Amino acid sequence: MSNFSNFTGPTELLQGSLDRILPDVVTRTIDGYAISSYGNFNETIYGLTNCRRDIPADACLACIAEAARILPTVCPRSADARIWYDTCFLRYGTDEFIGSVDTVNGGLILMNVLNATDPESFDKIVVELMHTVWKSALVSGNKRFAFGFKAFSPNVTIHSMVQCTRDLPAAACNHCLANAIGLFPNYCRFRQGCQVIYSSCAVRYEIYDFLFHENYTNHYAIQSYKTVLL
């Protein structure tokens, strides 16, 4: 989670706005996404929620509700607060960020500490796969989300996913994904798995199926990752 700036007005004004906007965005997150605002002029608070699209509605709502509970307590007086979970994202702030891409104010990279076998061939497939899902996420109707997989060997399949927050138009989503995937050569080269997470988008690939389904397993418990803050 991140706190990028502090609120300079009265504490009760900020708390009053948060008491209204946070319950509102939680209840609006029916289809995995919501935006909201409360206040007037320079006293307005904006809020956004976004869940990973493969997550069931009840899991999405539970994730957002927990984020809304935690964030104000961890980032008190914050004029720009954000919290990332594996399956959801919540942001609120005094700047009107809705519809604007943000790849400047913070980001997160999670990389598997293990390298792939035959790394050059592995990375070639990763690049091809990421570009395929990247373009798919921009297609109207896909709600800024796409996933795919491709066999690397008889025993290894590479799984990938990209997602933008759904307030972004296609051009802004494209810009965010280009920036995120553009970091792969510097941070993800030869890695068995890697994620780049911005406030506006996220990209990921792994050698296991990390999307939600009936037999979903949290592989973080058995994988080792290195974290880099941008």
Protein backbone atom coordinates (compact mmCIF):
# COMPACT_ATOMS: atom_id res chain seq x y z
CA MET A 1 0.00 0.00 0.00
CA SER A 2 1.13 3.57 -0.60
CA ASN A 3 0.57 7.09 0.70
CA PHE A 4 1.80 9.68 -1.81
CA SER A 5 0.64 12.94 -0.20
CA ASN A 6 -1.08 14.20 2.94
CA PHE A 7 -4.42 15.96 3.23
CA THR A 8 -3.93 19.59 4.32
CA GLY A 9 -7.52 20.39 5.32
CA PRO A 10 -9.32 19.65 8.58
CA THR A 11 -9.14 16.01 9.65
CA GLU A 12 -12.90 15.86 10.21
CA LEU A 13 -13.49 16.98 6.61
CA LEU A 14 -11.35 14.16 5.23
CA GLN A 15 -12.88 11.61 7.57
CA GLY A 16 -16.39 12.73 6.70
CA SER A 17 -15.69 12.34 2.99
CA LEU A 18 -14.10 8.92 3.47
CA ASP A 19 -17.03 7.79 5.61
CA ARG A 20 -19.23 8.43 2.59
CA ILE A 21 -17.10 7.42 -0.36
CA LEU A 22 -15.62 4.15 0.90
CA PRO A 23 -18.95 2.43 1.66
CA ASP A 24 -20.21 3.75 -1.67
CA VAL A 25 -17.43 2.23 -3.80
CA VAL A 26 -17.66 -1.04 -1.88
CA THR A 27 -21.38 -1.42 -2.56
CA ARG A 28 -20.94 -0.32 -6.18
CA THR A 29 -18.33 -3.01 -6.86
CA ILE A 30 -20.88 -5.47 -8.16
CA ASP A 31 -19.22 -6.21 -11.49
CA GLY A 32 -15.64 -6.03 -10.22
CA TYR A 33 -15.19 -2.30 -10.70
CA ALA A 34 -16.53 0.99 -9.38
CA ILE A 35 -15.78 4.71 -9.29
CA SER A 36 -17.24 7.34 -6.98
CA SER A 37 -16.72 10.89 -5.78
CA TYR A 38 -17.94 13.03 -2.93
CA GLY A 39 -17.59 16.72 -2.14
CA ASN A 40 -17.29 19.99 -4.02
CA PHE A 41 -14.43 21.60 -5.94
CA ASN A 42 -11.07 21.24 -4.16
CA GLU A 43 -12.69 19.33 -1.29
CA THR A 44 -13.78 16.41 -3.48
CA ILE A 45 -12.58 12.88 -2.75
CA TYR A 46 -12.44 10.39 -5.65
CA GLY A 47 -12.47 6.63 -5.25
CA LEU A 48 -11.86 3.62 -7.51
CA THR A 49 -12.03 -0.14 -7.05
CA ASN A 50 -10.91 -2.82 -9.47
CA CYS A 51 -10.87 -6.61 -9.08
CA ARG A 52 -9.12 -9.19 -11.19
CA ARG A 53 -11.77 -10.30 -13.65
CA ASP A 54 -11.35 -14.03 -13.04
CA ILE A 55 -12.29 -13.65 -9.37
CA PRO A 56 -15.88 -14.53 -8.30
CA ALA A 57 -18.10 -11.65 -7.22
CA ASP A 58 -18.18 -12.64 -3.55
CA ALA A 59 -14.39 -12.89 -3.36
CA CYS A 60 -14.07 -9.54 -5.11
CA LEU A 61 -16.42 -7.81 -2.68
CA ALA A 62 -14.67 -9.37 0.31
CA CYS A 63 -11.30 -8.17 -0.97
CA ILE A 64 -12.55 -4.62 -1.58
CA ALA A 65 -14.30 -4.47 1.80
CA GLU A 66 -11.07 -5.47 3.54
CA ALA A 67 -9.10 -2.90 1.53
CA ALA A 68 -11.58 -0.17 2.48
CA ARG A 69 -11.27 -1.15 6.14
CA ILE A 70 -7.48 -1.25 6.21
CA LEU A 71 -6.37 1.64 4.01
CA PRO A 72 -7.65 4.63 6.05
CA THR A 73 -6.12 3.22 9.23
CA VAL A 74 -2.71 2.57 7.69
CA CYS A 75 -2.62 5.82 5.68
CA PRO A 76 -4.40 8.38 7.90
CA ARG A 77 -4.69 11.93 6.53
CA SER A 78 -3.62 10.68 3.11
CA ALA A 79 -4.71 12.73 0.11
CA ASP A 80 -3.66 9.90 -2.23
CA ALA A 81 -3.84 6.38 -0.82
CA ARG A 82 -3.68 3.06 -2.67
CA ILE A 83 -3.69 -0.59 -1.66
CA TRP A 84 -2.92 -3.63 -3.78
CA TYR A 85 -3.93 -7.20 -3.08
CA ASP A 86 -3.38 -10.17 -5.37
CA THR A 87 -7.00 -10.01 -6.51
CA CYS A 88 -8.13 -6.40 -6.01
CA PHE A 89 -7.07 -2.77 -5.89
CA LEU A 90 -8.50 0.28 -4.10
CA ARG A 91 -7.50 3.90 -4.48
CA TYR A 92 -8.84 7.20 -3.22
CA GLY A 93 -7.54 10.75 -3.37
CA THR A 94 -8.25 14.44 -3.73
CA ASP A 95 -6.93 14.66 -7.33
CA GLU A 96 -9.35 13.72 -10.11
CA PHE A 97 -7.47 10.65 -11.33
CA ILE A 98 -10.44 8.82 -12.87
CA GLY A 99 -9.71 8.06 -16.53
CA SER A 100 -6.05 9.09 -16.30
CA VAL A 101 -3.17 6.65 -16.60
CA ASP A 102 -0.62 6.61 -13.78
CA THR A 103 2.74 4.92 -14.21
CA VAL A 104 4.72 7.60 -12.37
CA ASN A 105 3.59 7.58 -8.74
CA GLY A 106 4.89 4.27 -7.56
CA GLY A 107 4.77 0.75 -8.84
CA LEU A 108 5.72 -2.74 -7.78
CA ILE A 109 7.62 -5.60 -9.37
CA LEU A 110 7.44 -9.17 -8.08
CA MET A 111 9.88 -11.56 -9.71
CA ASN A 112 10.49 -15.24 -9.17
CA VAL A 113 14.05 -15.72 -7.92
CA LEU A 114 14.48 -18.83 -10.10
CA ASN A 115 15.55 -18.63 -13.73
CA ALA A 116 13.97 -20.63 -16.52
CA THR A 117 15.73 -23.49 -18.26
CA ASP A 118 16.72 -22.59 -21.84
CA PRO A 119 16.13 -18.93 -20.89
CA GLU A 120 16.44 -17.40 -24.37
CA SER A 121 13.70 -19.62 -25.76
CA PHE A 122 11.61 -19.10 -22.63
CA ASP A 123 11.77 -15.31 -22.90
CA LYS A 124 10.88 -15.44 -26.58
CA ILE A 125 7.63 -17.24 -25.75
CA VAL A 126 6.94 -14.82 -22.86
CA VAL A 127 7.29 -11.83 -25.21
CA GLU A 128 5.01 -13.39 -27.83
CA LEU A 129 2.41 -14.36 -25.25
CA MET A 130 2.42 -10.99 -23.46
CA HIS A 131 1.95 -9.11 -26.72
CA THR A 132 -0.99 -11.34 -27.64
CA VAL A 133 -2.85 -10.77 -24.36
CA TRP A 134 -1.85 -7.08 -24.38
CA LYS A 135 -3.68 -6.52 -27.66
CA SER A 136 -6.62 -8.64 -26.55
CA ALA A 137 -7.16 -6.50 -23.44
CA LEU A 138 -7.72 -3.45 -25.66
CA VAL A 139 -10.57 -5.07 -27.59
CA SER A 140 -13.98 -3.61 -26.81
CA GLY A 141 -15.98 -5.99 -24.63
CA ASN A 142 -13.00 -7.53 -22.84
CA LYS A 143 -13.25 -4.97 -20.04
CA ARG A 144 -9.51 -4.25 -20.12
CA PHE A 145 -8.58 -7.82 -19.15
CA ALA A 146 -7.03 -10.73 -21.02
CA PHE A 147 -5.19 -13.95 -20.27
CA GLY A 148 -3.53 -16.70 -22.24
CA PHE A 149 -1.12 -19.61 -22.08
CA LYS A 150 1.40 -21.34 -24.30
CA ALA A 151 3.43 -24.52 -23.95
CA PHE A 152 7.16 -24.04 -23.41
CA SER A 153 7.95 -27.74 -23.08
CA PRO A 154 5.94 -30.95 -22.60
CA ASN A 155 5.94 -30.30 -18.84
CA VAL A 156 5.92 -26.50 -18.65
CA THR A 157 3.19 -24.10 -19.75
CA ILE A 158 3.55 -20.33 -19.45
CA HIS A 159 0.42 -18.55 -18.22
CA SER A 160 -0.06 -14.81 -18.65
CA MET A 161 -2.49 -12.06 -17.72
CA VAL A 162 -2.83 -8.32 -18.27
CA GLN A 163 -5.39 -5.92 -16.84
CA CYS A 164 -6.07 -2.19 -16.77
CA THR A 165 -8.46 -0.40 -14.45
CA ARG A 166 -11.72 -0.11 -16.34
CA ASP A 167 -11.93 3.68 -16.15
CA LEU A 168 -9.15 3.89 -18.76
CA PRO A 169 -9.88 4.39 -22.46
CA ALA A 170 -8.08 2.03 -24.83
CA ALA A 171 -5.25 4.46 -25.61
CA ALA A 172 -4.47 5.03 -21.93
CA CYS A 173 -4.62 1.29 -21.19
CA ASN A 174 -2.29 0.65 -24.12
CA HIS A 175 0.16 3.23 -22.75
CA CYS A 176 0.15 1.66 -19.29
CA LEU A 177 0.62 -1.89 -20.57
CA ALA A 178 3.43 -0.76 -22.88
CA ASN A 179 5.25 0.78 -19.93
CA ALA A 180 4.73 -2.29 -17.73
CA ILE A 181 5.80 -4.86 -20.33
CA GLY A 182 8.65 -2.55 -21.31
CA LEU A 183 10.19 -3.20 -17.89
CA PHE A 184 10.50 -6.95 -18.53
CA PRO A 185 13.99 -6.83 -20.11
CA ASN A 186 15.41 -5.00 -17.07
CA TYR A 187 13.63 -6.86 -14.27
CA CYS A 188 12.08 -10.08 -15.56
CA ARG A 189 14.64 -11.44 -17.99
CA PHE A 190 14.93 -15.24 -17.76
CA ARG A 191 12.69 -15.34 -14.65
CA GLN A 192 10.22 -18.21 -14.24
CA GLY A 193 7.58 -15.67 -13.23
CA CYS A 194 7.20 -11.92 -12.95
CA GLN A 195 4.64 -9.20 -12.26
CA VAL A 196 4.68 -5.46 -12.88
CA ILE A 197 1.94 -3.63 -11.00
CA TYR A 198 0.95 0.00 -11.46
CA SER A 199 -2.10 1.82 -10.12
CA SER A 200 -3.56 1.80 -13.63
CA CYS A 201 -2.58 -1.66 -14.86
CA ALA A 202 -0.86 -4.94 -14.06
CA VAL A 203 0.91 -7.57 -16.15
CA ARG A 204 1.96 -11.05 -15.06
CA TYR A 205 3.27 -14.39 -16.25
CA GLU A 206 4.03 -17.61 -14.37
CA ILE A 207 4.81 -21.26 -15.09
CA TYR A 208 1.68 -22.26 -13.19
CA ASP A 209 -2.00 -21.45 -13.61
CA PHE A 210 -2.66 -18.56 -11.21
CA LEU A 211 -6.14 -17.66 -12.44
CA PHE A 212 -9.08 -18.52 -10.23
CA HIS A 213 -10.92 -21.79 -10.80
CA GLU A 214 -12.30 -24.65 -8.73
CA ASN A 215 -8.86 -26.08 -7.99
CA TYR A 216 -7.23 -22.71 -7.34
CA THR A 217 -4.03 -22.87 -5.26
CA ASN A 218 -2.09 -19.96 -3.80
CA HIS A 219 1.36 -20.69 -5.18
CA TYR A 220 2.94 -17.83 -3.24
CA ALA A 221 3.27 -20.27 -0.36
CA ILE A 222 5.68 -22.45 -2.34
CA GLN A 223 7.37 -19.89 -4.60
CA SER A 224 10.15 -17.41 -3.76
CA TYR A 225 9.78 -13.87 -5.07
CA LYS A 226 11.93 -10.76 -4.98
CA THR A 227 10.15 -7.41 -4.66
CA VAL A 228 11.26 -4.14 -6.29
CA LEU A 229 9.58 -0.79 -5.63
CA LEU A 230 9.56 1.57 -8.60
